Amino acid sequence: MNPVFAKRSCLSRQELLQYLRGDLGNGQRHEIENHLLDCPLCSAAVEGLAQSENMEEVEEELESLQGLPFRRRAPRPRRTAWANRAAAVGLLLLLAYAGYRYWGATASERLFAAYFQPMENRYITLRSAGEPPIEPELQTALDFYTSGDFTASLPHFRNYLATHPGDGQAALLAANACLQSGEAPAAEAYLLPLDSKDRQWNGRVKWSLALAYLKQGKTEAARALLEEISGTDYSDYREEAGKLREQLE
C-alpha cells in the first residue's frame, strides 16, 4: 500500500461530504476514489459517514463540533502552514466523528457476530422411530446445512416448509441458515410461530429469535428475550443470554 499522503493530500471535509452526496463530476470523483484506495484515514472517514442515512444531520452535527463551519470557501492561491495544520485538525475531527458513528451503528452486529453459532443439525436424531423417510427436498437442505453451505440450503428449506409448515425442527434449522446468510428478517419469520411443550426446545427458539432481533438492531426486543432466557434454569443458553444481556445495557 502506498503511504497515506501519496499522490495528493487527504480529502477535505467538504470533499468527503460532496463525494458521499454524489455532487462531484466524474473527474473529481475518479481522483477521490483513487485517493481512497491509498489512504486508510480518508477511507475510514467515508465508511463511517456512509453509515448515516441522513446527510443533513451529519453536516449539522459536524458543524457544531468545535464551531467548525461547513460553508464553501473561495479557493486560495496557495495554502499557508497554518491552513495546512487547520485542515489536518479538521480531518482528524471528522475521522473521530466518523468512527463514533460507525461504532454505534455496528454495535448490534458486532455482538451478533460474537455470539451467533449455527445450531447443530440434530434433525435425524430427533425423529421418532417408525416415521417415514425424510423427503428428498428436506434431505438436500439438511445435507447442505451439515456441510456448512447454509446459503445453498435455504431454497430447499423454503420449498420443503412451503408444504410442511408444521415441521418446527426444519424451520429452526432454516432460521439458523438465514441468520448465517445475513437474512435476519426471514429468520424472524420462521421463528415467531414456533412453540412447544418442550422447554429446552423453546429455549433454543428464543435464543435464535433474540439473535435475529439483535442482527436487525431491535435491541429492546432482544433484551426482553434474553432476560427471559437468562431467568430460567432449563435453557441451554442461560449463561450466554445473561452475558449478552449485560453487554446490551
Protein backbone atom coordinates (compact mmCIF):
# COMPACT_ATOMS: atom_id res chain seq x y z
CA MET A 1 0.00 0.00 0.00
CA ASN A 2 1.24 3.48 -0.77
CA PRO A 3 1.92 5.96 2.05
CA VAL A 4 -1.14 7.71 3.45
CA PHE A 5 -0.40 11.06 1.83
CA ALA A 6 0.86 9.74 -1.52
CA LYS A 7 -0.31 11.33 -4.78
CA ARG A 8 -2.40 14.04 -3.12
CA SER A 9 -3.22 15.42 0.31
CA CYS A 10 -6.06 13.98 2.34
CA LEU A 11 -9.58 14.98 1.43
CA SER A 12 -11.19 18.00 2.98
CA ARG A 13 -14.41 17.59 4.90
CA GLN A 14 -16.20 19.37 2.07
CA GLU A 15 -14.82 16.91 -0.49
CA LEU A 16 -15.82 13.94 1.62
CA LEU A 17 -19.37 15.19 2.03
CA GLN A 18 -19.67 16.08 -1.66
CA TYR A 19 -18.42 12.63 -2.57
CA LEU A 20 -20.98 10.94 -0.31
CA ARG A 21 -23.78 13.11 -1.70
CA GLY A 22 -22.73 12.36 -5.28
CA ASP A 23 -22.22 16.05 -6.06
CA LEU A 24 -18.86 15.65 -7.84
CA GLY A 25 -18.06 15.46 -11.52
CA ASN A 26 -16.61 12.29 -12.99
CA GLY A 27 -13.05 13.58 -13.00
CA GLN A 28 -13.02 14.71 -9.38
CA ARG A 29 -14.87 11.60 -8.23
CA HIS A 30 -12.31 9.41 -10.02
CA GLU A 31 -9.46 11.33 -8.36
CA ILE A 32 -11.03 10.88 -4.91
CA GLU A 33 -11.69 7.19 -5.44
CA ASN A 34 -8.05 6.68 -6.40
CA HIS A 35 -7.02 8.50 -3.24
CA LEU A 36 -9.32 6.35 -1.08
CA LEU A 37 -7.56 3.23 -2.37
CA ASP A 38 -4.27 4.54 -0.95
CA CYS A 39 -5.45 6.39 2.17
CA PRO A 40 -6.83 4.36 5.10
CA LEU A 41 -7.69 7.54 7.03
CA CYS A 42 -9.96 9.00 4.38
CA SER A 43 -11.36 5.57 3.55
CA ALA A 44 -12.33 5.09 7.21
CA ALA A 45 -13.99 8.51 7.25
CA VAL A 46 -16.06 7.69 4.16
CA GLU A 47 -17.07 4.32 5.57
CA GLY A 48 -18.08 5.81 8.90
CA LEU A 49 -20.08 8.68 7.43
CA ALA A 50 -21.77 6.36 4.96
CA GLN A 51 -23.47 4.62 7.90
CA SER A 52 -25.73 7.64 8.33
CA GLU A 53 -28.94 7.75 6.32
CA ASN A 54 -29.36 11.49 6.83
CA MET A 55 -26.52 13.59 5.40
CA GLU A 56 -28.11 16.84 6.58
CA GLU A 57 -27.99 15.55 10.13
CA VAL A 58 -24.33 14.62 9.68
CA GLU A 59 -23.45 18.10 8.42
CA GLU A 60 -25.34 19.79 11.26
CA GLU A 61 -23.62 17.66 13.89
CA LEU A 62 -20.19 18.16 12.36
CA GLU A 63 -20.79 21.91 12.09
CA SER A 64 -21.48 22.05 15.82
CA LEU A 65 -18.19 20.31 16.70
CA GLN A 66 -15.78 23.00 17.93
CA GLY A 67 -17.66 25.52 15.83
CA LEU A 68 -16.10 24.42 12.55
CA PRO A 69 -18.48 25.53 9.74
CA PHE A 70 -19.08 23.57 6.54
CA ARG A 71 -19.53 26.55 4.27
CA ARG A 72 -17.85 26.63 0.88
CA ARG A 73 -14.84 28.91 0.88
CA ALA A 74 -13.24 30.62 -2.07
CA PRO A 75 -10.12 28.80 -3.30
CA ARG A 76 -6.80 30.28 -2.20
CA PRO A 77 -3.76 30.62 -4.42
CA ARG A 78 -1.69 28.54 -2.03
CA ARG A 79 -2.12 27.18 1.44
CA THR A 80 -0.15 28.52 4.35
CA ALA A 81 1.38 26.33 7.06
CA TRP A 82 -1.43 27.43 9.38
CA ALA A 83 -4.06 26.40 6.83
CA ASN A 84 -2.44 23.00 6.43
CA ARG A 85 -2.45 22.46 10.18
CA ALA A 86 -6.09 23.53 10.37
CA ALA A 87 -7.00 21.12 7.59
CA ALA A 88 -5.23 18.29 9.41
CA VAL A 89 -7.08 19.09 12.64
CA GLY A 90 -10.38 19.22 10.75
CA LEU A 91 -9.77 15.86 9.12
CA LEU A 92 -8.84 14.23 12.43
CA LEU A 93 -12.01 15.64 13.97
CA LEU A 94 -14.03 14.27 11.08
CA LEU A 95 -12.38 10.86 11.41
CA ALA A 96 -13.15 10.75 15.13
CA TYR A 97 -16.78 11.62 14.43
CA ALA A 98 -16.99 9.08 11.59
CA GLY A 99 -15.53 6.39 13.82
CA TYR A 100 -18.10 7.20 16.51
CA ARG A 101 -20.95 6.94 14.01
CA TYR A 102 -19.60 3.68 12.61
CA TRP A 103 -19.02 2.09 16.02
CA GLY A 104 -22.51 2.98 17.24
CA ALA A 105 -24.17 1.79 14.02
CA THR A 106 -22.47 -1.60 14.12
CA ALA A 107 -22.64 -2.38 17.86
CA SER A 108 -25.55 -4.80 17.48
CA GLU A 109 -23.93 -6.57 14.54
CA ARG A 110 -20.65 -6.94 16.42
CA LEU A 111 -22.44 -8.57 19.35
CA PHE A 112 -24.39 -10.80 16.99
CA ALA A 113 -21.16 -11.97 15.36
CA ALA A 114 -19.61 -12.65 18.76
CA TYR A 115 -22.47 -14.86 19.99
CA PHE A 116 -24.06 -16.49 16.97
CA GLN A 117 -23.16 -20.06 16.08
CA PRO A 118 -25.43 -22.08 13.75
CA MET A 119 -27.17 -24.85 15.63
CA GLU A 120 -26.04 -28.39 15.03
CA ASN A 121 -28.20 -30.42 12.68
CA ARG A 122 -29.95 -32.81 15.03
CA TYR A 123 -32.96 -33.33 12.81
CA ILE A 124 -32.43 -37.04 12.20
CA THR A 125 -31.76 -37.88 15.85
CA LEU A 126 -34.94 -36.10 16.89
CA ARG A 127 -37.19 -38.12 14.59
CA SER A 128 -39.24 -40.87 16.22
CA ALA A 129 -38.80 -44.49 15.25
CA GLY A 130 -41.20 -45.60 12.52
CA GLU A 131 -41.55 -42.19 10.93
CA PRO A 132 -41.46 -42.13 7.11
CA PRO A 133 -38.17 -41.40 5.34
CA ILE A 134 -37.06 -37.81 5.01
CA GLU A 135 -38.32 -36.20 1.82
CA PRO A 136 -35.66 -35.56 -0.85
CA GLU A 137 -36.08 -31.76 -0.72
CA LEU A 138 -35.54 -31.70 3.03
CA GLN A 139 -32.66 -34.15 2.81
CA THR A 140 -30.92 -31.87 0.31
CA ALA A 141 -31.42 -28.91 2.65
CA LEU A 142 -30.01 -30.89 5.58
CA ASP A 143 -27.02 -32.07 3.56
CA PHE A 144 -26.12 -28.51 2.57
CA TYR A 145 -26.68 -27.30 6.14
CA THR A 146 -24.47 -30.01 7.66
CA SER A 147 -21.71 -29.27 5.14
CA GLY A 148 -21.74 -25.59 6.14
CA ASP A 149 -23.21 -24.30 2.87
CA PHE A 150 -26.09 -22.50 4.57
CA THR A 151 -27.00 -20.24 1.66
CA ALA A 152 -27.38 -23.25 -0.65
CA SER A 153 -29.65 -24.94 1.91
CA LEU A 154 -32.17 -22.09 2.01
CA PRO A 155 -34.06 -22.68 -1.27
CA HIS A 156 -34.58 -26.33 -0.30
CA PHE A 157 -35.74 -25.44 3.21
CA ARG A 158 -38.19 -22.94 1.71
CA ASN A 159 -39.56 -25.46 -0.78
CA TYR A 160 -39.99 -28.08 1.90
CA LEU A 161 -41.54 -25.77 4.51
CA ALA A 162 -44.00 -24.40 1.95
CA THR A 163 -45.70 -27.80 2.03
CA HIS A 164 -44.74 -28.78 5.61
CA PRO A 165 -45.21 -25.59 7.67
CA GLY A 166 -45.67 -27.59 10.86
CA ASP A 167 -42.15 -29.06 10.85
CA GLY A 168 -40.70 -26.92 13.60
CA GLN A 169 -37.28 -28.56 13.67
CA ALA A 170 -36.78 -27.87 9.96
CA ALA A 171 -37.99 -24.28 10.48
CA LEU A 172 -35.49 -23.79 13.32
CA LEU A 173 -32.63 -25.00 11.14
CA ALA A 174 -33.86 -22.84 8.26
CA ALA A 175 -33.87 -19.83 10.60
CA ASN A 176 -30.29 -20.54 11.61
CA ALA A 177 -29.31 -20.85 7.95
CA CYS A 178 -30.96 -17.48 7.34
CA LEU A 179 -29.02 -15.89 10.21
CA GLN A 180 -25.76 -17.30 8.90
CA SER A 181 -26.60 -15.97 5.43
CA GLY A 182 -27.47 -12.46 6.65
CA GLU A 183 -31.26 -12.82 6.23
CA ALA A 184 -32.39 -11.92 9.75
CA PRO A 185 -35.97 -10.85 8.83
CA ALA A 186 -36.55 -14.24 7.17
CA ALA A 187 -35.15 -15.96 10.27
CA GLU A 188 -37.56 -13.98 12.45
CA ALA A 189 -40.48 -15.05 10.25
CA TYR A 190 -39.55 -18.73 10.68
CA LEU A 191 -39.07 -18.45 14.45
CA LEU A 192 -42.08 -16.42 15.59
CA PRO A 193 -44.68 -19.18 15.00
CA LEU A 194 -42.62 -21.88 16.75
CA ASP A 195 -43.74 -23.16 20.13
CA SER A 196 -43.57 -26.42 22.01
CA LYS A 197 -44.26 -28.00 25.37
CA ASP A 198 -40.57 -28.94 25.43
CA ARG A 199 -38.90 -26.18 27.45
CA GLN A 200 -35.45 -26.94 26.07
CA TRP A 201 -36.85 -26.57 22.57
CA ASN A 202 -38.38 -23.22 23.44
CA GLY A 203 -35.05 -22.10 24.86
CA ARG A 204 -33.34 -22.81 21.55
CA VAL A 205 -36.07 -20.99 19.64
CA LYS A 206 -35.97 -17.95 21.91
CA TRP A 207 -32.18 -17.73 21.71
CA SER A 208 -32.26 -17.78 17.90
CA LEU A 209 -35.05 -15.20 17.87
CA ALA A 210 -33.12 -12.92 20.25
CA LEU A 211 -30.14 -13.06 17.89
CA ALA A 212 -32.40 -12.34 14.90
CA TYR A 213 -33.65 -9.23 16.70
CA LEU A 214 -30.10 -8.23 17.58
CA LYS A 215 -28.94 -8.61 13.98
CA GLN A 216 -31.69 -6.20 12.91
CA GLY A 217 -30.88 -3.67 15.62
CA LYS A 218 -34.09 -4.42 17.59
CA THR A 219 -32.24 -4.23 20.88
CA GLU A 220 -35.26 -3.81 23.16
CA ALA A 221 -36.95 -6.94 21.79
CA ALA A 222 -33.66 -8.83 22.02
CA ARG A 223 -33.08 -7.67 25.59
CA ALA A 224 -36.55 -8.82 26.69
CA LEU A 225 -36.00 -12.33 25.30
CA LEU A 226 -32.50 -12.56 26.76
CA GLU A 227 -33.85 -11.63 30.17
CA GLU A 228 -36.44 -14.38 29.88
CA ILE A 229 -33.85 -16.96 28.81
CA SER A 230 -31.32 -16.00 31.49
CA GLY A 231 -34.00 -16.20 34.18
CA THR A 232 -34.73 -19.89 33.59
CA ASP A 233 -32.90 -22.93 34.92
CA TYR A 234 -33.56 -25.18 31.94
CA SER A 235 -32.28 -23.33 28.89
CA ASP A 236 -29.09 -24.43 27.16
CA TYR A 237 -28.38 -20.73 26.62
CA ARG A 238 -28.97 -19.34 30.09
CA GLU A 239 -25.37 -18.30 30.77
CA GLU A 240 -24.78 -16.87 27.30
CA ALA A 241 -28.07 -14.97 27.41
CA GLY A 242 -27.11 -13.39 30.73
CA LYS A 243 -23.73 -12.24 29.41
CA LEU A 244 -25.21 -10.84 26.20
CA ARG A 245 -27.96 -9.03 28.09
CA GLU A 246 -25.35 -7.32 30.29
CA GLN A 247 -23.48 -6.14 27.20
CA LEU A 248 -26.67 -4.58 25.86
CA GLU A 249 -27.18 -2.49 29.00
